[in-house]
C-alpha atoms as a PDB file:
ATOM      1  CA  MET A   1       0.000   0.000   0.000  1.00  0.00           C
ATOM      2  CA  ARG A   2       1.369   3.360  -1.034  1.00  0.00           C
ATOM      3  CA  ARG A   3      -1.644   5.667  -0.598  1.00  0.00           C
ATOM      4  CA  VAL A   4      -4.076   5.412   2.326  1.00  0.00           C
ATOM      5  CA  ALA A   5      -7.087   7.687   2.857  1.00  0.00           C
ATOM      6  CA  ILE A   6      -8.761   7.802   6.266  1.00  0.00           C
ATOM      7  CA  VAL A   7     -12.275   9.244   6.442  1.00  0.00           C
ATOM      8  CA  GLY A   8     -15.042   9.544   9.014  1.00  0.00           C
ATOM      9  CA  SER A   9     -16.696  11.902  11.428  1.00  0.00           C
ATOM     10  CA  PRO A  10     -14.716  14.381  13.505  1.00  0.00           C
ATOM     11  CA  GLY A  11     -13.851  12.720  16.794  1.00  0.00           C
ATOM     12  CA  SER A  12     -13.962   9.213  15.330  1.00  0.00           C
ATOM     13  CA  GLY A  13     -10.228   8.626  15.778  1.00  0.00           C
ATOM     14  CA  LYS A  14      -8.971   9.298  12.255  1.00  0.00           C
ATOM     15  CA  SER A  15      -5.803  11.031  13.424  1.00  0.00           C
ATOM     16  CA  THR A  16      -4.991   8.379  16.017  1.00  0.00           C
ATOM     17  CA  LEU A  17      -5.437   5.652  13.416  1.00  0.00           C
ATOM     18  CA  ALA A  18      -3.392   7.644  10.887  1.00  0.00           C
ATOM     19  CA  ARG A  19      -0.488   7.922  13.335  1.00  0.00           C
ATOM     20  CA  ARG A  20      -0.612   4.159  13.978  1.00  0.00           C
ATOM     21  CA  LEU A  21      -0.539   3.470  10.246  1.00  0.00           C
ATOM     22  CA  ARG A  22       2.385   5.886   9.834  1.00  0.00           C
ATOM     23  CA  GLU A  23       4.299   3.902  12.474  1.00  0.00           C
ATOM     24  CA  ILE A  24       3.546   0.614  10.719  1.00  0.00           C
ATOM     25  CA  THR A  25       4.178   1.746   7.143  1.00  0.00           C
ATOM     26  CA  GLY A  26       6.642   4.615   7.307  1.00  0.00           C
ATOM     27  CA  LEU A  27       4.407   6.492   4.846  1.00  0.00           C
ATOM     28  CA  PRO A  28       4.278  10.297   5.140  1.00  0.00           C
ATOM     29  CA  LEU A  29       1.181  11.467   7.022  1.00  0.00           C
ATOM     30  CA  HIS A  30      -0.790  14.556   6.019  1.00  0.00           C
ATOM     31  CA  TYR A  31      -3.703  16.079   7.920  1.00  0.00           C
ATOM     32  CA  LEU A  32      -6.242  17.931   5.789  1.00  0.00           C
ATOM     33  CA  ASP A  33      -7.121  20.095   8.790  1.00  0.00           C
ATOM     34  CA  THR A  34      -3.599  21.554   8.662  1.00  0.00           C
ATOM     35  CA  LEU A  35      -4.094  22.416   4.980  1.00  0.00           C
ATOM     36  CA  TRP A  36      -7.443  24.131   5.627  1.00  0.00           C
ATOM     37  CA  HIS A  37      -7.041  25.789   9.025  1.00  0.00           C
ATOM     38  CA  LEU A  38      -4.737  28.634  10.020  1.00  0.00           C
ATOM     39  CA  PRO A  39      -3.133  28.885  13.483  1.00  0.00           C
ATOM     40  CA  ASP A  40      -5.562  31.679  14.437  1.00  0.00           C
ATOM     41  CA  GLY A  41      -8.585  29.419  13.823  1.00  0.00           C
ATOM     42  CA  GLY A  42      -9.358  30.894  10.413  1.00  0.00           C
ATOM     43  CA  HIS A  43      -8.855  29.048   7.152  1.00  0.00           C
ATOM     44  CA  VAL A  44      -7.300  29.419   3.720  1.00  0.00           C
ATOM     45  CA  THR A  45      -9.395  30.107   0.632  1.00  0.00           C
ATOM     46  CA  GLN A  46     -11.072  27.204  -1.109  1.00  0.00           C
ATOM     47  CA  ASP A  47      -8.754  27.710  -4.117  1.00  0.00           C
ATOM     48  CA  GLU A  48      -5.665  27.569  -1.875  1.00  0.00           C
ATOM     49  CA  PHE A  49      -6.935  24.405  -0.217  1.00  0.00           C
ATOM     50  CA  ASP A  50      -7.824  22.756  -3.529  1.00  0.00           C
ATOM     51  CA  THR A  51      -4.378  23.567  -4.969  1.00  0.00           C
ATOM     52  CA  ALA A  52      -2.530  22.229  -1.909  1.00  0.00           C
ATOM     53  CA  HIS A  53      -4.756  19.141  -1.845  1.00  0.00           C
ATOM     54  CA  GLY A  54      -4.139  18.490  -5.539  1.00  0.00           C
ATOM     55  CA  ARG A  55      -0.351  18.618  -5.014  1.00  0.00           C
ATOM     56  CA  LEU A  56      -0.654  16.259  -2.068  1.00  0.00           C
ATOM     57  CA  VAL A  57      -2.856  13.690  -3.792  1.00  0.00           C
ATOM     58  CA  SER A  58      -0.557  13.607  -6.842  1.00  0.00           C
ATOM     59  CA  GLN A  59       2.325  12.319  -4.711  1.00  0.00           C
ATOM     60  CA  GLU A  60       3.182   8.633  -4.908  1.00  0.00           C
ATOM     61  CA  ARG A  61       3.144   7.851  -1.181  1.00  0.00           C
ATOM     62  CA  TRP A  62       0.837   9.182   1.523  1.00  0.00           C
ATOM     63  CA  ILE A  63      -1.566   8.704   4.350  1.00  0.00           C
ATOM     64  CA  ILE A  64      -4.212  11.428   4.245  1.00  0.00           C
ATOM     65  CA  ASP A  65      -6.353  12.024   7.316  1.00  0.00           C
ATOM     66  CA  GLY A  66      -9.578  13.908   6.671  1.00  0.00           C
ATOM     67  CA  THR A  67     -12.950  13.638   5.004  1.00  0.00           C
ATOM     68  CA  TYR A  68     -13.517  17.011   3.248  1.00  0.00           C
ATOM     69  CA  LEU A  69     -16.241  15.815   0.867  1.00  0.00           C
ATOM     70  CA  GLY A  70     -15.434  18.309  -1.896  1.00  0.00           C
ATOM     71  CA  THR A  71     -12.014  16.775  -2.471  1.00  0.00           C
ATOM     72  CA  LEU A  72     -12.770  13.192  -1.442  1.00  0.00           C
ATOM     73  CA  PRO A  73     -13.323  11.963  -5.036  1.00  0.00           C
ATOM     74  CA  SER A  74      -9.697  12.629  -6.006  1.00  0.00           C
ATOM     75  CA  ARG A  75      -8.428  10.748  -2.926  1.00  0.00           C
ATOM     76  CA  VAL A  76     -10.779   7.851  -3.661  1.00  0.00           C
ATOM     77  CA  GLU A  77      -9.473   7.723  -7.232  1.00  0.00           C
ATOM     78  CA  ARG A  78      -5.804   7.576  -6.138  1.00  0.00           C
ATOM     79  CA  ALA A  79      -5.930   5.569  -2.894  1.00  0.00           C
ATOM     80  CA  ASP A  80      -4.837   1.949  -2.618  1.00  0.00           C
ATOM     81  CA  LEU A  81      -6.671   1.662   0.697  1.00  0.00           C
ATOM     82  CA  ILE A  82      -9.502   3.651   2.260  1.00  0.00           C
ATOM     83  CA  VAL A  83     -10.379   3.294   5.925  1.00  0.00           C
ATOM     84  CA  LEU A  84     -13.841   4.496   6.922  1.00  0.00           C
ATOM     85  CA  LEU A  85     -14.365   5.073  10.622  1.00  0.00           C
ATOM     86  CA  ASP A  86     -18.116   4.780  11.229  1.00  0.00           C
ATOM     87  CA  LEU A  87     -18.358   5.089  15.000  1.00  0.00           C
ATOM     88  CA  PRO A  88     -21.434   5.904  17.093  1.00  0.00           C
ATOM     89  CA  LEU A  89     -22.260   9.596  17.452  1.00  0.00           C
ATOM     90  CA  GLU A  90     -21.682   9.675  21.229  1.00  0.00           C
ATOM     91  CA  THR A  91     -18.260   8.084  20.783  1.00  0.00           C
ATOM     92  CA  CYS A  92     -17.321  10.838  18.309  1.00  0.00           C
ATOM     93  CA  LEU A  93     -18.598  13.599  20.594  1.00  0.00           C
ATOM     94  CA  ASP A  94     -16.691  12.048  23.513  1.00  0.00           C
ATOM     95  CA  GLY A  95     -13.574  11.991  21.322  1.00  0.00           C
ATOM     96  CA  ILE A  96     -13.941  15.695  20.590  1.00  0.00           C
ATOM     97  CA  ARG A  97     -14.509  16.556  24.249  1.00  0.00           C
ATOM     98  CA  ALA A  98     -11.450  14.514  25.286  1.00  0.00           C
ATOM     99  CA  ARG A  99      -9.101  16.465  23.026  1.00  0.00           C
ATOM    100  CA  ILE A 100     -10.123  19.940  24.271  1.00  0.00           C
ATOM    101  CA  GLY A 101      -7.174  21.684  25.890  1.00  0.00           C
ATOM    102  CA  ARG A 102      -4.610  19.303  24.411  1.00  0.00           C
ATOM    103  CA  PRO A 103      -2.045  20.288  21.786  1.00  0.00           C
ATOM    104  CA  ARG A 104      -2.391  18.186  18.626  1.00  0.00           C
ATOM    105  CA  GLU A 105      -0.182  17.659  15.603  1.00  0.00           C
ATOM    106  CA  ASP A 106      -3.268  17.404  13.376  1.00  0.00           C
ATOM    107  CA  LEU A 107      -4.662  20.876  14.136  1.00  0.00           C
ATOM    108  CA  PRO A 108      -2.735  24.175  13.996  1.00  0.00           C
ATOM    109  CA  TRP A 109      -4.304  25.576  17.189  1.00  0.00           C
ATOM    110  CA  GLN A 110      -5.457  24.230  20.532  1.00  0.00           C
ATOM    111  CA  GLU A 111      -9.181  23.895  21.128  1.00  0.00           C
ATOM    112  CA  THR A 112     -10.276  25.450  24.418  1.00  0.00           C
ATOM    113  CA  GLU A 113     -13.978  24.582  24.338  1.00  0.00           C
ATOM    114  CA  LEU A 114     -16.511  22.619  22.315  1.00  0.00           C
ATOM    115  CA  ASP A 115     -17.798  24.923  19.599  1.00  0.00           C
ATOM    116  CA  PRO A 116     -21.619  24.493  19.486  1.00  0.00           C
ATOM    117  CA  GLU A 117     -21.690  24.876  15.682  1.00  0.00           C
ATOM    118  CA  PHE A 118     -19.029  22.175  15.320  1.00  0.00           C
ATOM    119  CA  ALA A 119     -20.972  19.892  17.699  1.00  0.00           C
ATOM    120  CA  ARG A 120     -24.099  20.352  15.535  1.00  0.00           C
ATOM    121  CA  TYR A 121     -22.052  19.456  12.424  1.00  0.00           C
ATOM    122  CA  VAL A 122     -20.908  16.240  14.126  1.00  0.00           C
ATOM    123  CA  GLU A 123     -24.472  15.455  15.243  1.00  0.00           C
ATOM    124  CA  ARG A 124     -25.694  15.813  11.643  1.00  0.00           C
ATOM    125  CA  PHE A 125     -22.738  13.903  10.155  1.00  0.00           C
ATOM    126  CA  PRO A 126     -24.397  10.440  10.113  1.00  0.00           C
ATOM    127  CA  ASP A 127     -27.410  11.743   8.172  1.00  0.00           C
ATOM    128  CA  GLU A 128     -25.846  14.467   6.037  1.00  0.00           C
ATOM    129  CA  GLN A 129     -22.270  13.366   5.306  1.00  0.00           C
ATOM    130  CA  LEU A 130     -22.070   9.600   5.690  1.00  0.00           C
ATOM    131  CA  PRO A 131     -24.512   8.721   2.861  1.00  0.00           C
ATOM    132  CA  ARG A 132     -22.475  10.838   0.400  1.00  0.00           C
ATOM    133  CA  ILE A 133     -19.221   9.318   1.662  1.00  0.00           C
ATOM    134  CA  ARG A 134     -20.604   5.813   1.121  1.00  0.00           C
ATOM    135  CA  GLU A 135     -21.748   6.790  -2.374  1.00  0.00           C
ATOM    136  CA  LEU A 136     -18.264   8.086  -3.252  1.00  0.00           C
ATOM    137  CA  LEU A 137     -16.579   5.028  -1.774  1.00  0.00           C
ATOM    138  CA  SER A 138     -18.822   2.705  -3.766  1.00  0.00           C
ATOM    139  CA  ALA A 139     -17.348   4.245  -6.936  1.00  0.00           C
ATOM    140  CA  ARG A 140     -13.735   3.528  -5.932  1.00  0.00           C
ATOM    141  CA  PRO A 141     -11.495   1.703  -8.415  1.00  0.00           C
ATOM    142  CA  PRO A 142     -11.633  -2.100  -8.131  1.00  0.00           C
ATOM    143  CA  GLU A 143      -8.028  -2.310  -6.905  1.00  0.00           C
ATOM    144  CA  CYS A 144      -8.741   0.067  -3.986  1.00  0.00           C
ATOM    145  CA  ARG A 145      -9.417  -1.808  -0.745  1.00  0.00           C
ATOM    146  CA  LEU A 146     -12.020  -0.519   1.725  1.00  0.00           C
ATOM    147  CA  VAL A 147     -11.916  -1.290   5.433  1.00  0.00           C
ATOM    148  CA  GLU A 148     -14.763  -0.101   7.683  1.00  0.00           C
ATOM    149  CA  LEU A 149     -14.215   0.129  11.413  1.00  0.00           C
ATOM    150  CA  ARG A 150     -17.124   0.701  13.817  1.00  0.00           C
ATOM    151  CA  SER A 151     -15.479   1.063  17.256  1.00  0.00           C
ATOM    152  CA  ARG A 152     -12.246   2.220  18.860  1.00  0.00           C
ATOM    153  CA  GLU A 153     -11.623  -1.376  19.925  1.00  0.00           C
ATOM    154  CA  GLU A 154     -12.005  -2.576  16.349  1.00  0.00           C
ATOM    155  CA  ALA A 155      -9.494   0.075  15.211  1.00  0.00           C
ATOM    156  CA  GLU A 156      -7.044  -1.085  17.907  1.00  0.00           C
ATOM    157  CA  ARG A 157      -7.375  -4.704  16.801  1.00  0.00           C
ATOM    158  CA  ALA A 158      -7.053  -3.769  13.127  1.00  0.00           C
ATOM    159  CA  THR A 159      -3.661  -2.108  13.657  1.00  0.00           C
ATOM    160  CA  ALA A 160      -2.285  -4.665  16.114  1.00  0.00           C
ATOM    161  CA  PRO A 161       0.119  -7.275  14.720  1.00  0.00           C
ATOM    162  CA  GLY A 162      -1.954  -9.694  12.674  1.00  0.00           C
ATOM    163  CA  GLY A 163      -4.964  -7.332  12.509  1.00  0.00           C
ATOM    164  CA  CYS A 164      -6.718  -6.672   9.200  1.00  0.00           C
ATOM    165  CA  LEU A 165      -4.988  -3.316   8.566  1.00  0.00           C
ATOM    166  CA  TRP A 166      -1.653  -4.605   9.830  1.00  0.00           C
ATOM    167  CA  ARG A 167      -1.778  -7.444   7.276  1.00  0.00           C
ATOM    168  CA  LEU A 168      -2.655  -5.002   4.475  1.00  0.00           C
ATOM    169  CA  VAL A 169      -0.039  -2.348   5.146  1.00  0.00           C
ATOM    170  CA  ALA A 170       2.887  -3.735   7.149  1.00  0.00           C
ATOM    171  CA  PRO A 171       5.941  -4.358   4.961  1.00  0.00           C
ATOM    172  CA  GLY A 172       6.607  -8.059   5.363  1.00  0.00           C
ATOM    173  CA  GLY A 173       4.152  -8.171   8.263  1.00  0.00           C
ATOM    174  CA  ARG A 174       6.440  -6.042  10.474  1.00  0.00           C
ATOM    175  CA  PRO A 175       6.329  -2.340  11.299  1.00  0.00           C
ATOM    176  CA  ALA A 176       8.685  -0.020   9.437  1.00  0.00           C
ATOM    177  CA  THR A 177      11.749   1.015  11.429  1.00  0.00           C
END
């Protein structure tokens, strides 16, 4: 596997899973949130994001963490493996609450509180985003593998030695050094 896309709701554990896969594969990891967001909490223009995303997706090796529906089709087209995290809503909201006040490599600022608008986006994600994600994933190329994970425990098992993701991505069945 040379190109891995990780998608799912905010708070589902995409970044944690992406870091585990980086450890196993040695592939470069890119967070779409760091392409979109500025350190002051603002964001770049859509054109700037699209240009940066296009450069990223054209590379030969990557793990890309982030859903961003507008650009998902190009990741689906290029990925060798897509991991969809489809966790329960409360688990995702708990994940967001747990990261408040913690510095993160996947976000260029530190969250200090749960933004009510963001919480509403996450609450609507299963009904408004997930059906479109599934539609886009169903159109993936035949050689692109899809793995769906539905709990944090399942994600842990998948990346453990011998787990389904481990077997797909580990060079020779061992983590990269």
